[in-house]
């Protein structure tokens, strides 16, 4: 009854529409593969990817050379300041902060 109310006011989809859409759109993006649903203590979904899609994801998550340098500097000295990193790499503090955010997004 509550789910129907939220559907009626446009705040949710009908029950089960997510699974229907999963089966509808996964083959388009995965090169014809279907999702695998695992229902146990924790509900899991495995979505197959084509080699091209997996390669694209890997490339998007790889660190640039400067990001690796920053990552290594922080790993070696966790108290290093943004000013010190910027000075060593001859970039602005803003660039260092942006790169740190990218590192966090890609790895944490």
PDB file of N, CA and C in Angstrom:
ATOM      1  N   UNK A   1       0.817  -1.181   0.000  1.00  0.00           N
ATOM      2  CA  UNK A   1       0.000   0.000   0.000  1.00  0.00           C
ATOM      3  C   UNK A   1       0.879   1.271   0.000  1.00  0.00           C
ATOM      4  N   UNK A   2       1.941   1.249   0.831  1.00  0.00           N
ATOM      5  CA  UNK A   2       2.846   2.408   0.889  1.00  0.00           C
ATOM      6  C   UNK A   2       3.580   2.574  -0.439  1.00  0.00           C
ATOM      7  N   UNK A   3       4.039   1.447  -1.011  1.00  0.00           N
ATOM      8  CA  UNK A   3       4.745   1.506  -2.293  1.00  0.00           C
ATOM      9  C   UNK A   3       3.836   2.058  -3.383  1.00  0.00           C
ATOM     10  N   UNK A   4       2.581   1.658  -3.395  1.00  0.00           N
ATOM     11  CA  UNK A   4       1.625   2.168  -4.389  1.00  0.00           C
ATOM     12  C   UNK A   4       1.412   3.665  -4.228  1.00  0.00           C
ATOM     13  N   UNK A   5       1.355   4.141  -2.980  1.00  0.00           N
ATOM     14  CA  UNK A   5       1.199   5.565  -2.728  1.00  0.00           C
ATOM     15  C   UNK A   5       2.363   6.357  -3.329  1.00  0.00           C
ATOM     16  N   UNK A   6       3.609   5.924  -3.048  1.00  0.00           N
ATOM     17  CA  UNK A   6       4.772   6.638  -3.574  1.00  0.00           C
ATOM     18  C   UNK A   6       4.844   6.552  -5.098  1.00  0.00           C
ATOM     19  N   UNK A   7       4.405   5.456  -5.675  1.00  0.00           N
ATOM     20  CA  UNK A   7       4.358   5.333  -7.134  1.00  0.00           C
ATOM     21  C   UNK A   7       3.331   6.303  -7.695  1.00  0.00           C
ATOM     22  N   UNK A   8       2.183   6.407  -7.040  1.00  0.00           N
ATOM     23  CA  UNK A   8       1.115   7.291  -7.509  1.00  0.00           C
ATOM     24  C   UNK A   8       1.540   8.753  -7.505  1.00  0.00           C
ATOM     25  N   UNK A   9       2.363   9.170  -6.532  1.00  0.00           N
ATOM     26  CA  UNK A   9       2.791  10.575  -6.493  1.00  0.00           C
ATOM     27  C   UNK A   9       4.101  10.809  -7.256  1.00  0.00           C
ATOM     28  N   UNK A  10       4.592   9.760  -7.941  1.00  0.00           N
ATOM     29  CA  UNK A  10       5.771   9.922  -8.787  1.00  0.00           C
ATOM     30  C   UNK A  10       7.093   9.886  -8.072  1.00  0.00           C
ATOM     31  N   UNK A  11       7.145   9.348  -6.859  1.00  0.00           N
ATOM     32  CA  UNK A  11       8.380   9.296  -6.083  1.00  0.00           C
ATOM     33  C   UNK A  11       9.084   7.948  -6.155  1.00  0.00           C
ATOM     34  N   UNK A  12       8.496   6.967  -6.831  1.00  0.00           N
ATOM     35  CA  UNK A  12       9.146   5.660  -6.976  1.00  0.00           C
ATOM     36  C   UNK A  12       8.604   4.967  -8.216  1.00  0.00           C
ATOM     37  N   UNK A  13       9.295   3.930  -8.640  1.00  0.00           N
ATOM     38  CA  UNK A  13       8.819   3.092  -9.729  1.00  0.00           C
ATOM     39  C   UNK A  13       7.987   1.965  -9.139  1.00  0.00           C
ATOM     40  N   UNK A  14       7.368   1.209 -10.009  1.00  0.00           N
ATOM     41  CA  UNK A  14       6.604   0.072  -9.519  1.00  0.00           C
ATOM     42  C   UNK A  14       7.545  -0.985  -8.982  1.00  0.00           C
ATOM     43  N   UNK A  15       7.075  -1.787  -8.062  1.00  0.00           N
ATOM     44  CA  UNK A  15       7.899  -2.827  -7.453  1.00  0.00           C
ATOM     45  C   UNK A  15       8.344  -3.805  -8.542  1.00  0.00           C
ATOM     46  N   UNK A  16       9.641  -4.101  -8.559  1.00  0.00           N
ATOM     47  CA  UNK A  16      10.189  -5.045  -9.525  1.00  0.00           C
ATOM     48  C   UNK A  16      10.651  -4.429 -10.824  1.00  0.00           C
ATOM     49  N   UNK A  17      10.427  -3.128 -11.033  1.00  0.00           N
ATOM     50  CA  UNK A  17      10.813  -2.514 -12.301  1.00  0.00           C
ATOM     51  C   UNK A  17      12.324  -2.446 -12.452  1.00  0.00           C
ATOM     52  N   UNK A  18      13.062  -2.406 -11.334  1.00  0.00           N
ATOM     53  CA  UNK A  18      14.518  -2.362 -11.417  1.00  0.00           C
ATOM     54  C   UNK A  18      15.087  -3.634 -12.003  1.00  0.00           C
ATOM     55  N   UNK A  19      14.553  -4.774 -11.590  1.00  0.00           N
ATOM     56  CA  UNK A  19      15.013  -6.059 -12.124  1.00  0.00           C
ATOM     57  C   UNK A  19      14.640  -6.168 -13.600  1.00  0.00           C
ATOM     58  N   UNK A  20      13.441  -5.702 -13.939  1.00  0.00           N
ATOM     59  CA  UNK A  20      13.008  -5.729 -15.345  1.00  0.00           C
ATOM     60  C   UNK A  20      13.957  -4.892 -16.200  1.00  0.00           C
ATOM     61  N   UNK A  21      14.296  -3.703 -15.718  1.00  0.00           N
ATOM     62  CA  UNK A  21      15.218  -2.837 -16.452  1.00  0.00           C
ATOM     63  C   UNK A  21      16.622  -3.433 -16.505  1.00  0.00           C
ATOM     64  N   UNK A  22      17.019  -4.116 -15.452  1.00  0.00           N
ATOM     65  CA  UNK A  22      18.326  -4.772 -15.418  1.00  0.00           C
ATOM     66  C   UNK A  22      18.440  -5.785 -16.552  1.00  0.00           C
ATOM     67  N   UNK A  23      17.423  -6.606 -16.708  1.00  0.00           N
ATOM     68  CA  UNK A  23      17.430  -7.590 -17.788  1.00  0.00           C
ATOM     69  C   UNK A  23      17.247  -6.942 -19.156  1.00  0.00           C
ATOM     70  N   UNK A  24      16.592  -5.813 -19.206  1.00  0.00           N
ATOM     71  CA  UNK A  24      16.368  -5.117 -20.478  1.00  0.00           C
ATOM     72  C   UNK A  24      17.640  -4.442 -20.991  1.00  0.00           C
ATOM     73  N   UNK A  25      18.374  -3.756 -20.088  1.00  0.00           N
ATOM     74  CA  UNK A  25      19.491  -2.929 -20.528  1.00  0.00           C
ATOM     75  C   UNK A  25      20.867  -3.587 -20.416  1.00  0.00           C
ATOM     76  N   UNK A  26      21.035  -4.583 -19.561  1.00  0.00           N
ATOM     77  CA  UNK A  26      22.341  -5.215 -19.408  1.00  0.00           C
ATOM     78  C   UNK A  26      22.866  -5.792 -20.723  1.00  0.00           C
ATOM     79  N   UNK A  27      22.061  -6.512 -21.511  1.00  0.00           N
ATOM     80  CA  UNK A  27      22.602  -7.053 -22.770  1.00  0.00           C
ATOM     81  C   UNK A  27      23.107  -5.968 -23.723  1.00  0.00           C
ATOM     82  N   UNK A  28      22.496  -4.805 -23.676  1.00  0.00           N
ATOM     83  CA  UNK A  28      22.911  -3.711 -24.558  1.00  0.00           C
ATOM     84  C   UNK A  28      24.320  -3.242 -24.204  1.00  0.00           C
ATOM     85  N   UNK A  29      24.595  -3.134 -22.913  1.00  0.00           N
ATOM     86  CA  UNK A  29      25.868  -2.590 -22.453  1.00  0.00           C
ATOM     87  C   UNK A  29      26.933  -3.642 -22.198  1.00  0.00           C
ATOM     88  N   UNK A  30      26.547  -4.905 -22.176  1.00  0.00           N
ATOM     89  CA  UNK A  30      27.532  -5.943 -21.867  1.00  0.00           C
ATOM     90  C   UNK A  30      27.806  -6.866 -23.041  1.00  0.00           C
ATOM     91  N   UNK A  31      27.383  -6.486 -24.212  1.00  0.00           N
ATOM     92  CA  UNK A  31      27.659  -7.311 -25.381  1.00  0.00           C
ATOM     93  C   UNK A  31      26.813  -8.580 -25.432  1.00  0.00           C
ATOM     94  N   UNK A  32      25.605  -8.542 -24.901  1.00  0.00           N
ATOM     95  CA  UNK A  32      24.697  -9.679 -24.992  1.00  0.00           C
ATOM     96  C   UNK A  32      24.574 -10.513 -23.741  1.00  0.00           C
ATOM     97  N   UNK A  33      25.400 -10.272 -22.731  1.00  0.00           N
ATOM     98  CA  UNK A  33      25.344 -11.062 -21.507  1.00  0.00           C
ATOM     99  C   UNK A  33      24.166 -10.669 -20.636  1.00  0.00           C
ATOM    100  N   UNK A  34      23.716 -11.588 -19.826  1.00  0.00           N
ATOM    101  CA  UNK A  34      22.625 -11.321 -18.886  1.00  0.00           C
ATOM    102  C   UNK A  34      23.173 -11.212 -17.469  1.00  0.00           C
ATOM    103  N   UNK A  35      22.503 -10.437 -16.623  1.00  0.00           N
ATOM    104  CA  UNK A  35      22.952 -10.325 -15.233  1.00  0.00           C
ATOM    105  C   UNK A  35      22.696 -11.620 -14.477  1.00  0.00           C
ATOM    106  N   UNK A  36      23.509 -11.856 -13.458  1.00  0.00           N
ATOM    107  CA  UNK A  36      23.303 -13.004 -12.583  1.00  0.00           C
ATOM    108  C   UNK A  36      22.958 -12.470 -11.201  1.00  0.00           C
ATOM    109  N   UNK A  37      21.833 -12.928 -10.670  1.00  0.00           N
ATOM    110  CA  UNK A  37      21.364 -12.471  -9.375  1.00  0.00           C
ATOM    111  C   UNK A  37      21.637 -13.541  -8.334  1.00  0.00           C
ATOM    112  N   UNK A  38      22.215 -13.159  -7.213  1.00  0.00           N
ATOM    113  CA  UNK A  38      22.533 -14.076  -6.126  1.00  0.00           C
ATOM    114  C   UNK A  38      21.790 -13.610  -4.876  1.00  0.00           C
ATOM    115  N   UNK A  39      20.884 -14.429  -4.396  1.00  0.00           N
ATOM    116  CA  UNK A  39      20.119 -14.056  -3.216  1.00  0.00           C
ATOM    117  C   UNK A  39      20.553 -14.930  -2.050  1.00  0.00           C
ATOM    118  N   UNK A  40      21.168 -14.312  -1.068  1.00  0.00           N
ATOM    119  CA  UNK A  40      21.620 -14.996   0.141  1.00  0.00           C
ATOM    120  C   UNK A  40      21.447 -14.006   1.285  1.00  0.00           C
ATOM    121  N   UNK A  41      22.340 -14.038   2.265  1.00  0.00           N
ATOM    122  CA  UNK A  41      22.275 -13.046   3.344  1.00  0.00           C
ATOM    123  C   UNK A  41      22.389 -11.632   2.780  1.00  0.00           C
ATOM    124  N   UNK A  42      23.232 -11.501   1.749  1.00  0.00           N
ATOM    125  CA  UNK A  42      23.408 -10.233   1.052  1.00  0.00           C
ATOM    126  C   UNK A  42      23.034 -10.461  -0.410  1.00  0.00           C
ATOM    127  N   UNK A  43      22.182  -9.609  -0.945  1.00  0.00           N
ATOM    128  CA  UNK A  43      21.765  -9.714  -2.338  1.00  0.00           C
ATOM    129  C   UNK A  43      22.859  -9.137  -3.225  1.00  0.00           C
ATOM    130  N   UNK A  44      23.310  -9.917  -4.219  1.00  0.00           N
ATOM    131  CA  UNK A  44      24.374  -9.455  -5.115  1.00  0.00           C
ATOM    132  C   UNK A  44      23.937  -9.626  -6.565  1.00  0.00           C
ATOM    133  N   UNK A  45      24.497  -8.789  -7.427  1.00  0.00           N
ATOM    134  CA  UNK A  45      24.249  -8.862  -8.859  1.00  0.00           C
ATOM    135  C   UNK A  45      25.596  -8.853  -9.563  1.00  0.00           C
ATOM    136  N   UNK A  46      25.791  -9.791 -10.481  1.00  0.00           N
ATOM    137  CA  UNK A  46      27.002  -9.814 -11.305  1.00  0.00           C
ATOM    138  C   UNK A  46      26.593  -9.418 -12.718  1.00  0.00           C
ATOM    139  N   UNK A  47      27.215  -8.365 -13.229  1.00  0.00           N
ATOM    140  CA  UNK A  47      26.912  -7.888 -14.577  1.00  0.00           C
ATOM    141  C   UNK A  47      28.137  -8.127 -15.443  1.00  0.00           C
ATOM    142  N   UNK A  48      27.995  -8.946 -16.480  1.00  0.00           N
ATOM    143  CA  UNK A  48      29.149  -9.232 -17.337  1.00  0.00           C
ATOM    144  C   UNK A  48      29.528  -8.009 -18.164  1.00  0.00           C
ATOM    145  N   UNK A  49      30.818  -7.865 -18.409  1.00  0.00           N
ATOM    146  CA  UNK A  49      31.312  -6.771 -19.238  1.00  0.00           C
ATOM    147  C   UNK A  49      32.075  -7.333 -20.431  1.00  0.00           C
ATOM    148  N   UNK A  50      32.038  -6.618 -21.524  1.00  0.00           N
ATOM    149  CA  UNK A  50      32.871  -6.988 -22.660  1.00  0.00           C
ATOM    150  C   UNK A  50      34.308  -6.606 -22.348  1.00  0.00           C
ATOM    151  N   UNK A  51      35.257  -7.129 -23.105  1.00  0.00           N
ATOM    152  CA  UNK A  51      36.660  -6.776 -22.893  1.00  0.00           C
ATOM    153  C   UNK A  51      36.879  -5.283 -23.097  1.00  0.00           C
ATOM    154  N   UNK A  52      36.165  -4.699 -24.063  1.00  0.00           N
ATOM    155  CA  UNK A  52      36.314  -3.270 -24.327  1.00  0.00           C
ATOM    156  C   UNK A  52      35.832  -2.446 -23.138  1.00  0.00           C
ATOM    157  N   UNK A  53      34.688  -2.836 -22.560  1.00  0.00           N
ATOM    158  CA  UNK A  53      34.152  -2.098 -21.419  1.00  0.00           C
ATOM    159  C   UNK A  53      35.064  -2.236 -20.210  1.00  0.00           C
ATOM    160  N   UNK A  54      35.574  -3.435 -19.973  1.00  0.00           N
ATOM    161  CA  UNK A  54      36.486  -3.651 -18.849  1.00  0.00           C
ATOM    162  C   UNK A  54      37.763  -2.842 -19.041  1.00  0.00           C
ATOM    163  N   UNK A  55      38.271  -2.784 -20.270  1.00  0.00           N
ATOM    164  CA  UNK A  55      39.465  -1.995 -20.558  1.00  0.00           C
ATOM    165  C   UNK A  55      39.239  -0.513 -20.338  1.00  0.00           C
ATOM    166  N   UNK A  56      38.061  -0.033 -20.711  1.00  0.00           N
ATOM    167  CA  UNK A  56      37.730   1.382 -20.511  1.00  0.00           C
ATOM    168  C   UNK A  56      37.670   1.706 -19.026  1.00  0.00           C
ATOM    169  N   UNK A  57      37.059   0.844 -18.236  1.00  0.00           N
ATOM    170  CA  UNK A  57      36.978   1.069 -16.796  1.00  0.00           C
ATOM    171  C   UNK A  57      38.373   1.089 -16.193  1.00  0.00           C
ATOM    172  N   UNK A  58      39.233   0.170 -16.648  1.00  0.00           N
ATOM    173  CA  UNK A  58      40.601   0.125 -16.125  1.00  0.00           C
ATOM    174  C   UNK A  58      41.345   1.417 -16.459  1.00  0.00           C
ATOM    175  N   UNK A  59      41.202   1.899 -17.705  1.00  0.00           N
ATOM    176  CA  UNK A  59      41.880   3.134 -18.101  1.00  0.00           C
ATOM    177  C   UNK A  59      41.371   4.327 -17.303  1.00  0.00           C
ATOM    178  N   UNK A  60      40.072   4.365 -17.018  1.00  0.00           N
ATOM    179  CA  UNK A  60      39.506   5.475 -16.257  1.00  0.00           C
ATOM    180  C   UNK A  60      39.997   5.481 -14.817  1.00  0.00           C
ATOM    181  N   UNK A  61      40.377   4.317 -14.305  1.00  0.00           N
ATOM    182  CA  UNK A  61      40.802   4.220 -12.908  1.00  0.00           C
ATOM    183  C   UNK A  61      42.312   4.210 -12.736  1.00  0.00           C
ATOM    184  N   UNK A  62      43.063   4.364 -13.805  1.00  0.00           N
ATOM    185  CA  UNK A  62      44.514   4.408 -13.688  1.00  0.00           C
ATOM    186  C   UNK A  62      44.955   5.809 -13.286  1.00  0.00           C
ATOM    187  N   UNK A  63      45.963   5.872 -12.446  1.00  0.00           N
ATOM    188  CA  UNK A  63      46.504   7.154 -12.021  1.00  0.00           C
ATOM    189  C   UNK A  63      47.436   7.718 -13.087  1.00  0.00           C
ATOM    190  N   UNK A  64      47.437   9.038 -13.192  1.00  0.00           N
ATOM    191  CA  UNK A  64      48.391   9.695 -14.068  1.00  0.00           C
ATOM    192  C   UNK A  64      49.762   9.669 -13.394  1.00  0.00           C
ATOM    193  N   UNK A  65      50.781  10.058 -14.124  1.00  0.00           N
ATOM    194  CA  UNK A  65      52.143  10.063 -13.563  1.00  0.00           C
ATOM    195  C   UNK A  65      52.229  10.987 -12.342  1.00  0.00           C
ATOM    196  N   UNK A  66      51.642  12.185 -12.457  1.00  0.00           N
ATOM    197  CA  UNK A  66      51.694  13.129 -11.337  1.00  0.00           C
ATOM    198  C   UNK A  66      50.888  12.608 -10.144  1.00  0.00           C
ATOM    199  N   UNK A  67      49.744  11.955 -10.410  1.00  0.00           N
ATOM    200  CA  UNK A  67      48.956  11.378  -9.319  1.00  0.00           C
ATOM    201  C   UNK A  67      49.752  10.295  -8.594  1.00  0.00           C
ATOM    202  N   UNK A  68      50.516   9.492  -9.348  1.00  0.00           N
ATOM    203  CA  UNK A  68      51.368   8.467  -8.717  1.00  0.00           C
ATOM    204  C   UNK A  68      52.428   9.118  -7.848  1.00  0.00           C
ATOM    205  N   UNK A  69      53.032  10.195  -8.344  1.00  0.00           N
ATOM    206  CA  UNK A  69      54.049  10.893  -7.555  1.00  0.00           C
ATOM    207  C   UNK A  69      53.460  11.408  -6.245  1.00  0.00           C
ATOM    208  N   UNK A  70      52.286  12.015  -6.323  1.00  0.00           N
ATOM    209  CA  UNK A  70      51.623  12.526  -5.118  1.00  0.00           C
ATOM    210  C   UNK A  70      51.276  11.375  -4.185  1.00  0.00           C
ATOM    211  N   UNK A  71      50.731  10.304  -4.736  1.00  0.00           N
ATOM    212  CA  UNK A  71      50.378   9.134  -3.928  1.00  0.00           C
ATOM    213  C   UNK A  71      51.598   8.598  -3.186  1.00  0.00           C
ATOM    214  N   UNK A  72      52.720   8.485  -3.891  1.00  0.00           N
ATOM    215  CA  UNK A  72      53.947   7.977  -3.265  1.00  0.00           C
ATOM    216  C   UNK A  72      54.485   8.928  -2.203  1.00  0.00           C
ATOM    217  N   UNK A  73      54.405  10.227  -2.468  1.00  0.00           N
ATOM    218  CA  UNK A  73      54.858  11.196  -1.463  1.00  0.00           C
ATOM    219  C   UNK A  73      54.034  11.076  -0.190  1.00  0.00           C
ATOM    220  N   UNK A  74      52.740  10.962  -0.336  1.00  0.00           N
ATOM    221  CA  UNK A  74      51.867  10.847   0.840  1.00  0.00           C
ATOM    222  C   UNK A  74      52.094   9.518   1.544  1.00  0.00           C
ATOM    223  N   UNK A  75      52.321   8.455   0.776  1.00  0.00           N
ATOM    224  CA  UNK A  75      52.569   7.144   1.382  1.00  0.00           C
ATOM    225  C   UNK A  75      53.850   7.149   2.213  1.00  0.00           C
ATOM    226  N   UNK A  76      54.881   7.839   1.712  1.00  0.00           N
ATOM    227  CA  UNK A  76      56.159   7.893   2.416  1.00  0.00           C
ATOM    228  C   UNK A  76      56.116   8.808   3.637  1.00  0.00           C
ATOM    229  N   UNK A  77      55.337   9.885   3.548  1.00  0.00           N
ATOM    230  CA  UNK A  77      55.262  10.856   4.647  1.00  0.00           C
ATOM    231  C   UNK A  77      53.817  11.345   4.761  1.00  0.00           C
ATOM    232  N   UNK A  78      53.072  10.758   5.668  1.00  0.00           N
ATOM    233  CA  UNK A  78      51.651  11.089   5.790  1.00  0.00           C
ATOM    234  C   UNK A  78      51.410  12.475   6.388  1.00  0.00           C
ATOM    235  N   UNK A  79      52.461  13.113   6.842  1.00  0.00           N
ATOM    236  CA  UNK A  79      52.328  14.474   7.381  1.00  0.00           C
ATOM    237  C   UNK A  79      52.789  15.535   6.381  1.00  0.00           C
ATOM    238  N   UNK A  80      53.071  15.151   5.163  1.00  0.00           N
ATOM    239  CA  UNK A  80      53.521  16.109   4.156  1.00  0.00           C
ATOM    240  C   UNK A  80      52.397  17.086   3.850  1.00  0.00           C
ATOM    241  N   UNK A  81      52.749  18.330   3.652  1.00  0.00           N
ATOM    242  CA  UNK A  81      51.729  19.350   3.401  1.00  0.00           C
ATOM    243  C   UNK A  81      51.495  19.531   1.904  1.00  0.00           C
ATOM    244  N   UNK A  82      50.363  20.123   1.596  1.00  0.00           N
ATOM    245  CA  UNK A  82      50.031  20.429   0.205  1.00  0.00           C
ATOM    246  C   UNK A  82      51.068  21.391  -0.357  1.00  0.00           C
ATOM    247  N   UNK A  83      51.509  22.335   0.451  1.00  0.00           N
ATOM    248  CA  UNK A  83      52.532  23.289   0.005  1.00  0.00           C
ATOM    249  C   UNK A  83      53.824  22.572  -0.386  1.00  0.00           C
ATOM    250  N   UNK A  84      54.244  21.591   0.420  1.00  0.00           N
ATOM    251  CA  UNK A  84      55.476  20.854   0.125  1.00  0.00           C
ATOM    252  C   UNK A  84      55.343  20.062  -1.179  1.00  0.00           C
ATOM    253  N   UNK A  85      54.199  19.416  -1.357  1.00  0.00           N
ATOM    254  CA  UNK A  85      53.983  18.638  -2.585  1.00  0.00           C
ATOM    255  C   UNK A  85      53.982  19.565  -3.791  1.00  0.00           C
ATOM    256  N   UNK A  86      53.275  20.691  -3.676  1.00  0.00           N
ATOM    257  CA  UNK A  86      53.210  21.647  -4.786  1.00  0.00           C
ATOM    258  C   UNK A  86      54.598  22.166  -5.144  1.00  0.00           C
ATOM    259  N   UNK A  87      55.412  22.449  -4.137  1.00  0.00           N
ATOM    260  CA  UNK A  87      56.761  22.955  -4.386  1.00  0.00           C
ATOM    261  C   UNK A  87      57.628  21.895  -5.067  1.00  0.00           C
ATOM    262  N   UNK A  88      57.541  20.656  -4.605  1.00  0.00           N
ATOM    263  CA  UNK A  88      58.366  19.596  -5.190  1.00  0.00           C
ATOM    264  C   UNK A  88      57.975  19.288  -6.624  1.00  0.00           C
ATOM    265  N   UNK A  89      56.685  19.419  -6.945  1.00  0.00           N
ATOM    266  CA  UNK A  89      56.222  19.099  -8.303  1.00  0.00           C
ATOM    267  C   UNK A  89      56.102  20.331  -9.190  1.00  0.00           C
ATOM    268  N   UNK A  90      56.350  21.511  -8.618  1.00  0.00           N
ATOM    269  CA  UNK A  90      56.262  22.777  -9.345  1.00  0.00           C
ATOM    270  C   UNK A  90      54.873  22.966  -9.969  1.00  0.00           C
ATOM    271  N   UNK A  91      53.859  22.765  -9.127  1.00  0.00           N
ATOM    272  CA  UNK A  91      52.473  22.998  -9.532  1.00  0.00           C
ATOM    273  C   UNK A  91      51.801  23.820  -8.430  1.00  0.00           C
ATOM    274  N   UNK A  92      50.579  24.250  -8.692  1.00  0.00           N
ATOM    275  CA  UNK A  92      49.861  25.030  -7.688  1.00  0.00           C
ATOM    276  C   UNK A  92      49.241  24.113  -6.629  1.00  0.00           C
ATOM    277  N   UNK A  93      48.899  24.721  -5.490  1.00  0.00           N
ATOM    278  CA  UNK A  93      48.225  23.965  -4.429  1.00  0.00           C
ATOM    279  C   UNK A  93      46.885  23.439  -4.929  1.00  0.00           C
ATOM    280  N   UNK A  94      46.228  24.230  -5.723  1.00  0.00           N
ATOM    281  CA  UNK A  94      44.926  23.818  -6.277  1.00  0.00           C
ATOM    282  C   UNK A  94      45.057  22.563  -7.135  1.00  0.00           C
ATOM    283  N   UNK A  95      46.136  22.483  -7.912  1.00  0.00           N
ATOM    284  CA  UNK A  95      46.385  21.303  -8.740  1.00  0.00           C
ATOM    285  C   UNK A  95      46.609  20.080  -7.863  1.00  0.00           C
ATOM    286  N   UNK A  96      47.370  20.239  -6.801  1.00  0.00           N
ATOM    287  CA  UNK A  96      47.623  19.123  -5.882  1.00  0.00           C
ATOM    288  C   UNK A  96      46.316  18.657  -5.255  1.00  0.00           C
ATOM    289  N   UNK A  97      45.495  19.586  -4.798  1.00  0.00           N
ATOM    290  CA  UNK A  97      44.215  19.225  -4.181  1.00  0.00           C
ATOM    291  C   UNK A  97      43.300  18.511  -5.172  1.00  0.00           C
ATOM    292  N   UNK A  98      43.285  18.987  -6.408  1.00  0.00           N
ATOM    293  CA  UNK A  98      42.476  18.333  -7.450  1.00  0.00           C
ATOM    294  C   UNK A  98      42.976  16.921  -7.707  1.00  0.00           C
ATOM    295  N   UNK A  99      44.302  16.753  -7.779  1.00  0.00           N
ATOM    296  CA  UNK A  99      44.869  15.422  -8.008  1.00  0.00           C
ATOM    297  C   UNK A  99      44.589  14.485  -6.838  1.00  0.00           C
ATOM    298  N   UNK A 100      44.646  14.993  -5.623  1.00  0.00           N
ATOM    299  CA  UNK A 100      44.342  14.168  -4.452  1.00  0.00           C
ATOM    300  C   UNK A 100      42.883  13.707  -4.505  1.00  0.00           C
ATOM    301  N   UNK A 101      41.985  14.592  -4.919  1.00  0.00           N
ATOM    302  CA  UNK A 101      40.578  14.195  -5.055  1.00  0.00           C
ATOM    303  C   UNK A 101      40.419  13.098  -6.107  1.00  0.00           C
ATOM    304  N   UNK A 102      41.145  13.192  -7.202  1.00  0.00           N
ATOM    305  CA  UNK A 102      41.098  12.168  -8.236  1.00  0.00           C
ATOM    306  C   UNK A 102      41.628  10.828  -7.708  1.00  0.00           C
ATOM    307  N   UNK A 103      42.703  10.885  -6.942  1.00  0.00           N
ATOM    308  CA  UNK A 103      43.262   9.662  -6.346  1.00  0.00           C
ATOM    309  C   UNK A 103      42.218   9.014  -5.431  1.00  0.00           C
ATOM    310  N   UNK A 104      41.584   9.824  -4.603  1.00  0.00           N
ATOM    311  CA  UNK A 104      40.548   9.309  -3.708  1.00  0.00           C
ATOM    312  C   UNK A 104      39.405   8.682  -4.491  1.00  0.00           C
ATOM    313  N   UNK A 105      38.993   9.343  -5.561  1.00  0.00           N
ATOM    314  CA  UNK A 105      37.883   8.853  -6.357  1.00  0.00           C
ATOM    315  C   UNK A 105      38.215   7.526  -7.037  1.00  0.00           C
ATOM    316  N   UNK A 106      39.470   7.382  -7.474  1.00  0.00           N
ATOM    317  CA  UNK A 106      39.866   6.185  -8.206  1.00  0.00           C
ATOM    318  C   UNK A 106      40.180   4.994  -7.301  1.00  0.00           C
ATOM    319  N   UNK A 107      40.663   5.267  -6.100  1.00  0.00           N
ATOM    320  CA  UNK A 107      41.155   4.161  -5.266  1.00  0.00           C
ATOM    321  C   UNK A 107      40.492   4.021  -3.903  1.00  0.00           C
ATOM    322  N   UNK A 108      39.743   4.993  -3.453  1.00  0.00           N
ATOM    323  CA  UNK A 108      39.202   4.874  -2.104  1.00  0.00           C
ATOM    324  C   UNK A 108      37.731   5.083  -2.064  1.00  0.00           C
TER     325      UNK A 108
END
